[in-house]
């Protein structure tokens, strides 16, 4: 279950960093659906299709987005330059 959570974290983190906030969760969820569909349709890979994995992957993607958004806010506030008065 933890691996399902962690596999999707980078997807939404990347989406947040490139400012695609709405599209990111949809794409991450669609990717998870595709992974589960492959597992259901290709029995020779030895994996089982589970809707719980889809939910966990989507949650992982959203958590990745939250972490990336917080990191972006922190980075912008830490690198904000104060104006220097001209004499």
PDB file of N, CA and C in Angstrom:
ATOM      1  N   UNK A   1       0.826  -1.190   0.000  1.00  0.00           N
ATOM      2  CA  UNK A   1       0.000   0.000   0.000  1.00  0.00           C
ATOM      3  C   UNK A   1       0.870   1.252   0.000  1.00  0.00           C
ATOM      4  N   UNK A   2       1.955   1.250   0.769  1.00  0.00           N
ATOM      5  CA  UNK A   2       2.832   2.413   0.802  1.00  0.00           C
ATOM      6  C   UNK A   2       3.453   2.656  -0.573  1.00  0.00           C
ATOM      7  N   UNK A   3       3.804   1.580  -1.261  1.00  0.00           N
ATOM      8  CA  UNK A   3       4.379   1.758  -2.597  1.00  0.00           C
ATOM      9  C   UNK A   3       3.367   2.382  -3.553  1.00  0.00           C
ATOM     10  N   UNK A   4       2.097   2.025  -3.405  1.00  0.00           N
ATOM     11  CA  UNK A   4       1.060   2.646  -4.235  1.00  0.00           C
ATOM     12  C   UNK A   4       0.924   4.123  -3.926  1.00  0.00           C
ATOM     13  N   UNK A   5       1.097   4.484  -2.680  1.00  0.00           N
ATOM     14  CA  UNK A   5       1.018   5.887  -2.292  1.00  0.00           C
ATOM     15  C   UNK A   5       2.204   6.655  -2.866  1.00  0.00           C
ATOM     16  N   UNK A   6       3.386   6.068  -2.754  1.00  0.00           N
ATOM     17  CA  UNK A   6       4.599   6.763  -3.165  1.00  0.00           C
ATOM     18  C   UNK A   6       4.790   6.833  -4.677  1.00  0.00           C
ATOM     19  N   UNK A   7       4.205   5.889  -5.415  1.00  0.00           N
ATOM     20  CA  UNK A   7       4.406   5.877  -6.860  1.00  0.00           C
ATOM     21  C   UNK A   7       3.794   7.103  -7.534  1.00  0.00           C
ATOM     22  N   UNK A   8       2.785   7.688  -6.954  1.00  0.00           N
ATOM     23  CA  UNK A   8       2.096   8.814  -7.588  1.00  0.00           C
ATOM     24  C   UNK A   8       2.539  10.174  -7.082  1.00  0.00           C
ATOM     25  N   UNK A   9       3.300  10.214  -6.020  1.00  0.00           N
ATOM     26  CA  UNK A   9       3.713  11.502  -5.443  1.00  0.00           C
ATOM     27  C   UNK A   9       4.428  12.388  -6.464  1.00  0.00           C
ATOM     28  N   UNK A  10       5.377  11.883  -7.227  1.00  0.00           N
ATOM     29  CA  UNK A  10       6.094  12.779  -8.146  1.00  0.00           C
ATOM     30  C   UNK A  10       5.232  13.394  -9.237  1.00  0.00           C
ATOM     31  N   UNK A  11       4.171  12.722  -9.650  1.00  0.00           N
ATOM     32  CA  UNK A  11       3.367  13.229 -10.755  1.00  0.00           C
ATOM     33  C   UNK A  11       2.720  14.563 -10.438  1.00  0.00           C
ATOM     34  N   UNK A  12       2.075  14.657  -9.306  1.00  0.00           N
ATOM     35  CA  UNK A  12       1.411  15.916  -8.989  1.00  0.00           C
ATOM     36  C   UNK A  12       2.412  16.946  -8.488  1.00  0.00           C
ATOM     37  N   UNK A  13       3.488  16.500  -7.885  1.00  0.00           N
ATOM     38  CA  UNK A  13       4.528  17.449  -7.498  1.00  0.00           C
ATOM     39  C   UNK A  13       5.052  18.164  -8.741  1.00  0.00           C
ATOM     40  N   UNK A  14       5.299  17.410  -9.792  1.00  0.00           N
ATOM     41  CA  UNK A  14       5.744  18.015 -11.046  1.00  0.00           C
ATOM     42  C   UNK A  14       4.684  18.948 -11.614  1.00  0.00           C
ATOM     43  N   UNK A  15       3.431  18.528 -11.558  1.00  0.00           N
ATOM     44  CA  UNK A  15       2.347  19.360 -12.089  1.00  0.00           C
ATOM     45  C   UNK A  15       2.262  20.689 -11.356  1.00  0.00           C
ATOM     46  N   UNK A  16       2.441  20.671 -10.044  1.00  0.00           N
ATOM     47  CA  UNK A  16       2.397  21.915  -9.273  1.00  0.00           C
ATOM     48  C   UNK A  16       3.573  22.802  -9.649  1.00  0.00           C
ATOM     49  N   UNK A  17       4.736  22.208  -9.804  1.00  0.00           N
ATOM     50  CA  UNK A  17       5.915  23.004 -10.120  1.00  0.00           C
ATOM     51  C   UNK A  17       5.828  23.660 -11.493  1.00  0.00           C
ATOM     52  N   UNK A  18       5.072  23.075 -12.399  1.00  0.00           N
ATOM     53  CA  UNK A  18       4.898  23.701 -13.708  1.00  0.00           C
ATOM     54  C   UNK A  18       3.555  24.414 -13.813  1.00  0.00           C
ATOM     55  N   UNK A  19       2.911  24.617 -12.686  1.00  0.00           N
ATOM     56  CA  UNK A  19       1.677  25.403 -12.567  1.00  0.00           C
ATOM     57  C   UNK A  19       0.492  24.814 -13.332  1.00  0.00           C
ATOM     58  N   UNK A  20       0.338  23.520 -13.304  1.00  0.00           N
ATOM     59  CA  UNK A  20      -0.812  22.862 -13.919  1.00  0.00           C
ATOM     60  C   UNK A  20      -1.598  22.200 -12.793  1.00  0.00           C
ATOM     61  N   UNK A  21      -2.233  23.015 -11.978  1.00  0.00           N
ATOM     62  CA  UNK A  21      -2.845  22.529 -10.744  1.00  0.00           C
ATOM     63  C   UNK A  21      -4.062  21.653 -10.999  1.00  0.00           C
ATOM     64  N   UNK A  22      -4.934  22.014 -11.918  1.00  0.00           N
ATOM     65  CA  UNK A  22      -6.163  21.254 -12.152  1.00  0.00           C
ATOM     66  C   UNK A  22      -5.886  19.992 -12.957  1.00  0.00           C
ATOM     67  N   UNK A  23      -5.032  20.081 -13.945  1.00  0.00           N
ATOM     68  CA  UNK A  23      -4.760  18.948 -14.819  1.00  0.00           C
ATOM     69  C   UNK A  23      -3.972  17.860 -14.092  1.00  0.00           C
ATOM     70  N   UNK A  24      -3.143  18.231 -13.160  1.00  0.00           N
ATOM     71  CA  UNK A  24      -2.297  17.278 -12.450  1.00  0.00           C
ATOM     72  C   UNK A  24      -3.046  16.140 -11.787  1.00  0.00           C
ATOM     73  N   UNK A  25      -4.034  16.424 -10.927  1.00  0.00           N
ATOM     74  CA  UNK A  25      -4.756  15.324 -10.279  1.00  0.00           C
ATOM     75  C   UNK A  25      -5.503  14.437 -11.267  1.00  0.00           C
ATOM     76  N   UNK A  26      -6.042  15.039 -12.316  1.00  0.00           N
ATOM     77  CA  UNK A  26      -6.770  14.255 -13.316  1.00  0.00           C
ATOM     78  C   UNK A  26      -5.810  13.315 -14.044  1.00  0.00           C
ATOM     79  N   UNK A  27      -4.660  13.823 -14.437  1.00  0.00           N
ATOM     80  CA  UNK A  27      -3.675  12.985 -15.131  1.00  0.00           C
ATOM     81  C   UNK A  27      -3.135  11.888 -14.217  1.00  0.00           C
ATOM     82  N   UNK A  28      -2.867  12.223 -12.974  1.00  0.00           N
ATOM     83  CA  UNK A  28      -2.364  11.219 -12.034  1.00  0.00           C
ATOM     84  C   UNK A  28      -3.393  10.127 -11.805  1.00  0.00           C
ATOM     85  N   UNK A  29      -4.645  10.502 -11.673  1.00  0.00           N
ATOM     86  CA  UNK A  29      -5.706   9.522 -11.485  1.00  0.00           C
ATOM     87  C   UNK A  29      -5.881   8.667 -12.740  1.00  0.00           C
ATOM     88  N   UNK A  30      -5.809   9.288 -13.909  1.00  0.00           N
ATOM     89  CA  UNK A  30      -5.933   8.540 -15.164  1.00  0.00           C
ATOM     90  C   UNK A  30      -4.775   7.559 -15.335  1.00  0.00           C
ATOM     91  N   UNK A  31      -3.579   7.967 -14.956  1.00  0.00           N
ATOM     92  CA  UNK A  31      -2.431   7.064 -15.023  1.00  0.00           C
ATOM     93  C   UNK A  31      -2.645   5.864 -14.111  1.00  0.00           C
ATOM     94  N   UNK A  32      -3.173   6.111 -12.936  1.00  0.00           N
ATOM     95  CA  UNK A  32      -3.448   5.027 -12.003  1.00  0.00           C
ATOM     96  C   UNK A  32      -4.497   4.072 -12.558  1.00  0.00           C
ATOM     97  N   UNK A  33      -5.527   4.619 -13.192  1.00  0.00           N
ATOM     98  CA  UNK A  33      -6.550   3.772 -13.820  1.00  0.00           C
ATOM     99  C   UNK A  33      -5.914   2.926 -14.922  1.00  0.00           C
ATOM    100  N   UNK A  34      -5.024   3.523 -15.695  1.00  0.00           N
ATOM    101  CA  UNK A  34      -4.352   2.781 -16.765  1.00  0.00           C
ATOM    102  C   UNK A  34      -3.501   1.646 -16.200  1.00  0.00           C
ATOM    103  N   UNK A  35      -2.792   1.913 -15.114  1.00  0.00           N
ATOM    104  CA  UNK A  35      -1.983   0.871 -14.472  1.00  0.00           C
ATOM    105  C   UNK A  35      -2.865  -0.280 -14.017  1.00  0.00           C
ATOM    106  N   UNK A  36      -3.972   0.046 -13.376  1.00  0.00           N
ATOM    107  CA  UNK A  36      -4.883  -1.001 -12.893  1.00  0.00           C
ATOM    108  C   UNK A  36      -5.529  -1.750 -14.056  1.00  0.00           C
ATOM    109  N   UNK A  37      -5.828  -1.054 -15.155  1.00  0.00           N
ATOM    110  CA  UNK A  37      -6.408  -1.718 -16.325  1.00  0.00           C
ATOM    111  C   UNK A  37      -5.422  -2.714 -16.928  1.00  0.00           C
ATOM    112  N   UNK A  38      -4.165  -2.323 -17.022  1.00  0.00           N
ATOM    113  CA  UNK A  38      -3.144  -3.243 -17.531  1.00  0.00           C
ATOM    114  C   UNK A  38      -3.048  -4.466 -16.628  1.00  0.00           C
ATOM    115  N   UNK A  39      -3.078  -4.249 -15.326  1.00  0.00           N
ATOM    116  CA  UNK A  39      -3.014  -5.376 -14.394  1.00  0.00           C
ATOM    117  C   UNK A  39      -4.218  -6.298 -14.558  1.00  0.00           C
ATOM    118  N   UNK A  40      -5.372  -5.747 -14.886  1.00  0.00           N
ATOM    119  CA  UNK A  40      -6.573  -6.568 -15.070  1.00  0.00           C
ATOM    120  C   UNK A  40      -6.557  -7.299 -16.409  1.00  0.00           C
ATOM    121  N   UNK A  41      -6.024  -6.654 -17.436  1.00  0.00           N
ATOM    122  CA  UNK A  41      -6.101  -7.213 -18.786  1.00  0.00           C
ATOM    123  C   UNK A  41      -4.933  -8.125 -19.162  1.00  0.00           C
ATOM    124  N   UNK A  42      -3.829  -8.024 -18.430  1.00  0.00           N
ATOM    125  CA  UNK A  42      -2.651  -8.839 -18.739  1.00  0.00           C
ATOM    126  C   UNK A  42      -2.349  -9.733 -17.536  1.00  0.00           C
ATOM    127  N   UNK A  43      -2.982 -10.896 -17.481  1.00  0.00           N
ATOM    128  CA  UNK A  43      -2.814 -11.756 -16.304  1.00  0.00           C
ATOM    129  C   UNK A  43      -1.414 -12.346 -16.166  1.00  0.00           C
ATOM    130  N   UNK A  44      -0.634 -12.357 -17.235  1.00  0.00           N
ATOM    131  CA  UNK A  44       0.694 -12.968 -17.175  1.00  0.00           C
ATOM    132  C   UNK A  44       1.704 -12.150 -16.375  1.00  0.00           C
ATOM    133  N   UNK A  45       1.381 -10.904 -16.040  1.00  0.00           N
ATOM    134  CA  UNK A  45       2.329 -10.107 -15.257  1.00  0.00           C
ATOM    135  C   UNK A  45       2.241 -10.412 -13.770  1.00  0.00           C
ATOM    136  N   UNK A  46       1.232 -11.180 -13.386  1.00  0.00           N
ATOM    137  CA  UNK A  46       1.138 -11.623 -11.998  1.00  0.00           C
ATOM    138  C   UNK A  46       0.671 -10.561 -11.019  1.00  0.00           C
ATOM    139  N   UNK A  47      -0.038  -9.582 -11.490  1.00  0.00           N
ATOM    140  CA  UNK A  47      -0.550  -8.521 -10.623  1.00  0.00           C
ATOM    141  C   UNK A  47      -2.067  -8.549 -10.644  1.00  0.00           C
ATOM    142  N   UNK A  48      -2.680  -8.077  -9.591  1.00  0.00           N
ATOM    143  CA  UNK A  48      -4.139  -8.051  -9.506  1.00  0.00           C
ATOM    144  C   UNK A  48      -4.634  -6.613  -9.580  1.00  0.00           C
ATOM    145  N   UNK A  49      -5.744  -6.427 -10.242  1.00  0.00           N
ATOM    146  CA  UNK A  49      -6.386  -5.118 -10.328  1.00  0.00           C
ATOM    147  C   UNK A  49      -7.128  -4.859  -9.020  1.00  0.00           C
ATOM    148  N   UNK A  50      -6.910  -3.691  -8.437  1.00  0.00           N
ATOM    149  CA  UNK A  50      -7.544  -3.374  -7.160  1.00  0.00           C
ATOM    150  C   UNK A  50      -7.915  -1.895  -7.155  1.00  0.00           C
ATOM    151  N   UNK A  51      -9.190  -1.600  -6.926  1.00  0.00           N
ATOM    152  CA  UNK A  51      -9.615  -0.196  -6.899  1.00  0.00           C
ATOM    153  C   UNK A  51      -9.009   0.541  -5.715  1.00  0.00           C
ATOM    154  N   UNK A  52      -8.679  -0.183  -4.672  1.00  0.00           N
ATOM    155  CA  UNK A  52      -8.005   0.448  -3.534  1.00  0.00           C
ATOM    156  C   UNK A  52      -6.657   1.021  -3.934  1.00  0.00           C
ATOM    157  N   UNK A  53      -5.961   0.344  -4.859  1.00  0.00           N
ATOM    158  CA  UNK A  53      -4.690   0.865  -5.363  1.00  0.00           C
ATOM    159  C   UNK A  53      -4.908   2.171  -6.115  1.00  0.00           C
ATOM    160  N   UNK A  54      -5.980   2.236  -6.895  1.00  0.00           N
ATOM    161  CA  UNK A  54      -6.283   3.465  -7.633  1.00  0.00           C
ATOM    162  C   UNK A  54      -6.496   4.625  -6.662  1.00  0.00           C
ATOM    163  N   UNK A  55      -7.261   4.373  -5.611  1.00  0.00           N
ATOM    164  CA  UNK A  55      -7.526   5.422  -4.614  1.00  0.00           C
ATOM    165  C   UNK A  55      -6.225   5.838  -3.933  1.00  0.00           C
ATOM    166  N   UNK A  56      -5.419   4.858  -3.541  1.00  0.00           N
ATOM    167  CA  UNK A  56      -4.159   5.162  -2.861  1.00  0.00           C
ATOM    168  C   UNK A  56      -3.212   5.927  -3.775  1.00  0.00           C
ATOM    169  N   UNK A  57      -3.136   5.542  -5.040  1.00  0.00           N
ATOM    170  CA  UNK A  57      -2.283   6.266  -5.989  1.00  0.00           C
ATOM    171  C   UNK A  57      -2.744   7.710  -6.157  1.00  0.00           C
ATOM    172  N   UNK A  58      -4.045   7.913  -6.232  1.00  0.00           N
ATOM    173  CA  UNK A  58      -4.580   9.265  -6.386  1.00  0.00           C
ATOM    174  C   UNK A  58      -4.291  10.102  -5.142  1.00  0.00           C
ATOM    175  N   UNK A  59      -4.443   9.513  -3.970  1.00  0.00           N
ATOM    176  CA  UNK A  59      -4.113  10.223  -2.725  1.00  0.00           C
ATOM    177  C   UNK A  59      -2.633  10.580  -2.709  1.00  0.00           C
ATOM    178  N   UNK A  60      -1.783   9.656  -3.134  1.00  0.00           N
ATOM    179  CA  UNK A  60      -0.347   9.935  -3.199  1.00  0.00           C
ATOM    180  C   UNK A  60      -0.034  11.086  -4.126  1.00  0.00           C
ATOM    181  N   UNK A  61      -0.723  11.150  -5.245  1.00  0.00           N
ATOM    182  CA  UNK A  61      -0.512  12.246  -6.186  1.00  0.00           C
ATOM    183  C   UNK A  61      -0.922  13.579  -5.575  1.00  0.00           C
ATOM    184  N   UNK A  62      -2.053  13.591  -4.893  1.00  0.00           N
ATOM    185  CA  UNK A  62      -2.515  14.830  -4.250  1.00  0.00           C
ATOM    186  C   UNK A  62      -1.547  15.245  -3.145  1.00  0.00           C
ATOM    187  N   UNK A  63      -1.070  14.283  -2.358  1.00  0.00           N
ATOM    188  CA  UNK A  63      -0.084  14.605  -1.316  1.00  0.00           C
ATOM    189  C   UNK A  63       1.195  15.164  -1.933  1.00  0.00           C
ATOM    190  N   UNK A  64       1.609  14.593  -3.048  1.00  0.00           N
ATOM    191  CA  UNK A  64       2.778  15.126  -3.748  1.00  0.00           C
ATOM    192  C   UNK A  64       2.559  16.562  -4.190  1.00  0.00           C
ATOM    193  N   UNK A  65       1.362  16.855  -4.642  1.00  0.00           N
ATOM    194  CA  UNK A  65       1.036  18.221  -5.034  1.00  0.00           C
ATOM    195  C   UNK A  65       1.057  19.184  -3.868  1.00  0.00           C
ATOM    196  N   UNK A  66       0.542  18.738  -2.735  1.00  0.00           N
ATOM    197  CA  UNK A  66       0.545  19.586  -1.535  1.00  0.00           C
ATOM    198  C   UNK A  66       1.972  19.860  -1.090  1.00  0.00           C
ATOM    199  N   UNK A  67       2.806  18.818  -1.059  1.00  0.00           N
ATOM    200  CA  UNK A  67       4.207  18.993  -0.659  1.00  0.00           C
ATOM    201  C   UNK A  67       4.921  19.935  -1.625  1.00  0.00           C
ATOM    202  N   UNK A  68       4.696  19.756  -2.917  1.00  0.00           N
ATOM    203  CA  UNK A  68       5.340  20.626  -3.900  1.00  0.00           C
ATOM    204  C   UNK A  68       4.859  22.062  -3.777  1.00  0.00           C
ATOM    205  N   UNK A  69       3.564  22.255  -3.548  1.00  0.00           N
ATOM    206  CA  UNK A  69       3.032  23.610  -3.393  1.00  0.00           C
ATOM    207  C   UNK A  69       3.625  24.288  -2.167  1.00  0.00           C
ATOM    208  N   UNK A  70       3.714  23.549  -1.065  1.00  0.00           N
ATOM    209  CA  UNK A  70       4.321  24.116   0.144  1.00  0.00           C
ATOM    210  C   UNK A  70       5.793  24.439  -0.074  1.00  0.00           C
ATOM    211  N   UNK A  71       6.504  23.556  -0.765  1.00  0.00           N
ATOM    212  CA  UNK A  71       7.917  23.810  -1.052  1.00  0.00           C
ATOM    213  C   UNK A  71       8.078  25.024  -1.948  1.00  0.00           C
ATOM    214  N   UNK A  72       7.183  25.178  -2.901  1.00  0.00           N
ATOM    215  CA  UNK A  72       7.242  26.323  -3.805  1.00  0.00           C
ATOM    216  C   UNK A  72       6.978  27.626  -3.060  1.00  0.00           C
ATOM    217  N   UNK A  73       5.993  27.631  -2.177  1.00  0.00           N
ATOM    218  CA  UNK A  73       5.700  28.821  -1.370  1.00  0.00           C
ATOM    219  C   UNK A  73       6.888  29.146  -0.477  1.00  0.00           C
ATOM    220  N   UNK A  74       7.455  28.118   0.155  1.00  0.00           N
ATOM    221  CA  UNK A  74       8.603  28.336   1.036  1.00  0.00           C
ATOM    222  C   UNK A  74       9.783  28.880   0.242  1.00  0.00           C
ATOM    223  N   UNK A  75      10.044  28.306  -0.923  1.00  0.00           N
ATOM    224  CA  UNK A  75      11.172  28.746  -1.735  1.00  0.00           C
ATOM    225  C   UNK A  75      10.989  30.188  -2.200  1.00  0.00           C
ATOM    226  N   UNK A  76       9.789  30.525  -2.614  1.00  0.00           N
ATOM    227  CA  UNK A  76       9.541  31.897  -3.075  1.00  0.00           C
ATOM    228  C   UNK A  76       9.682  32.903  -1.941  1.00  0.00           C
ATOM    229  N   UNK A  77       9.235  32.527  -0.740  1.00  0.00           N
ATOM    230  CA  UNK A  77       9.358  33.462   0.381  1.00  0.00           C
ATOM    231  C   UNK A  77      10.803  33.563   0.857  1.00  0.00           C
ATOM    232  N   UNK A  78      11.563  32.483   0.746  1.00  0.00           N
ATOM    233  CA  UNK A  78      12.957  32.496   1.191  1.00  0.00           C
ATOM    234  C   UNK A  78      13.855  33.241   0.219  1.00  0.00           C
ATOM    235  N   UNK A  79      13.482  33.287  -1.043  1.00  0.00           N
ATOM    236  CA  UNK A  79      14.330  33.941  -2.038  1.00  0.00           C
ATOM    237  C   UNK A  79      13.832  35.323  -2.437  1.00  0.00           C
ATOM    238  N   UNK A  80      12.799  35.791  -1.776  1.00  0.00           N
ATOM    239  CA  UNK A  80      12.273  37.118  -2.097  1.00  0.00           C
ATOM    240  C   UNK A  80      13.303  38.165  -1.672  1.00  0.00           C
ATOM    241  N   UNK A  81      13.659  39.004  -2.581  1.00  0.00           N
ATOM    242  CA  UNK A  81      14.654  40.036  -2.303  1.00  0.00           C
ATOM    243  C   UNK A  81      13.965  41.314  -1.838  1.00  0.00           C
ATOM    244  N   UNK A  82      14.541  41.909  -0.846  1.00  0.00           N
ATOM    245  CA  UNK A  82      14.043  43.189  -0.352  1.00  0.00           C
ATOM    246  C   UNK A  82      14.631  44.302  -1.218  1.00  0.00           C
ATOM    247  N   UNK A  83      13.845  45.317  -1.518  1.00  0.00           N
ATOM    248  CA  UNK A  83      14.385  46.422  -2.320  1.00  0.00           C
ATOM    249  C   UNK A  83      15.479  47.171  -1.556  1.00  0.00           C
ATOM    250  N   UNK A  84      16.498  47.544  -2.284  1.00  0.00           N
ATOM    251  CA  UNK A  84      17.610  48.288  -1.692  1.00  0.00           C
ATOM    252  C   UNK A  84      17.436  49.750  -2.073  1.00  0.00           C
ATOM    253  N   UNK A  85      17.418  50.637  -1.072  1.00  0.00           N
ATOM    254  CA  UNK A  85      17.254  52.061  -1.401  1.00  0.00           C
ATOM    255  C   UNK A  85      18.458  52.593  -2.186  1.00  0.00           C
ATOM    256  N   UNK A  86      18.171  53.405  -3.166  1.00  0.00           N
ATOM    257  CA  UNK A  86      19.225  54.002  -3.979  1.00  0.00           C
ATOM    258  C   UNK A  86      19.585  55.341  -3.362  1.00  0.00           C
ATOM    259  N   UNK A  87      20.853  55.551  -3.159  1.00  0.00           N
ATOM    260  CA  UNK A  87      21.294  56.810  -2.536  1.00  0.00           C
ATOM    261  C   UNK A  87      21.878  57.746  -3.538  1.00  0.00           C
TER     262      UNK A  87
END
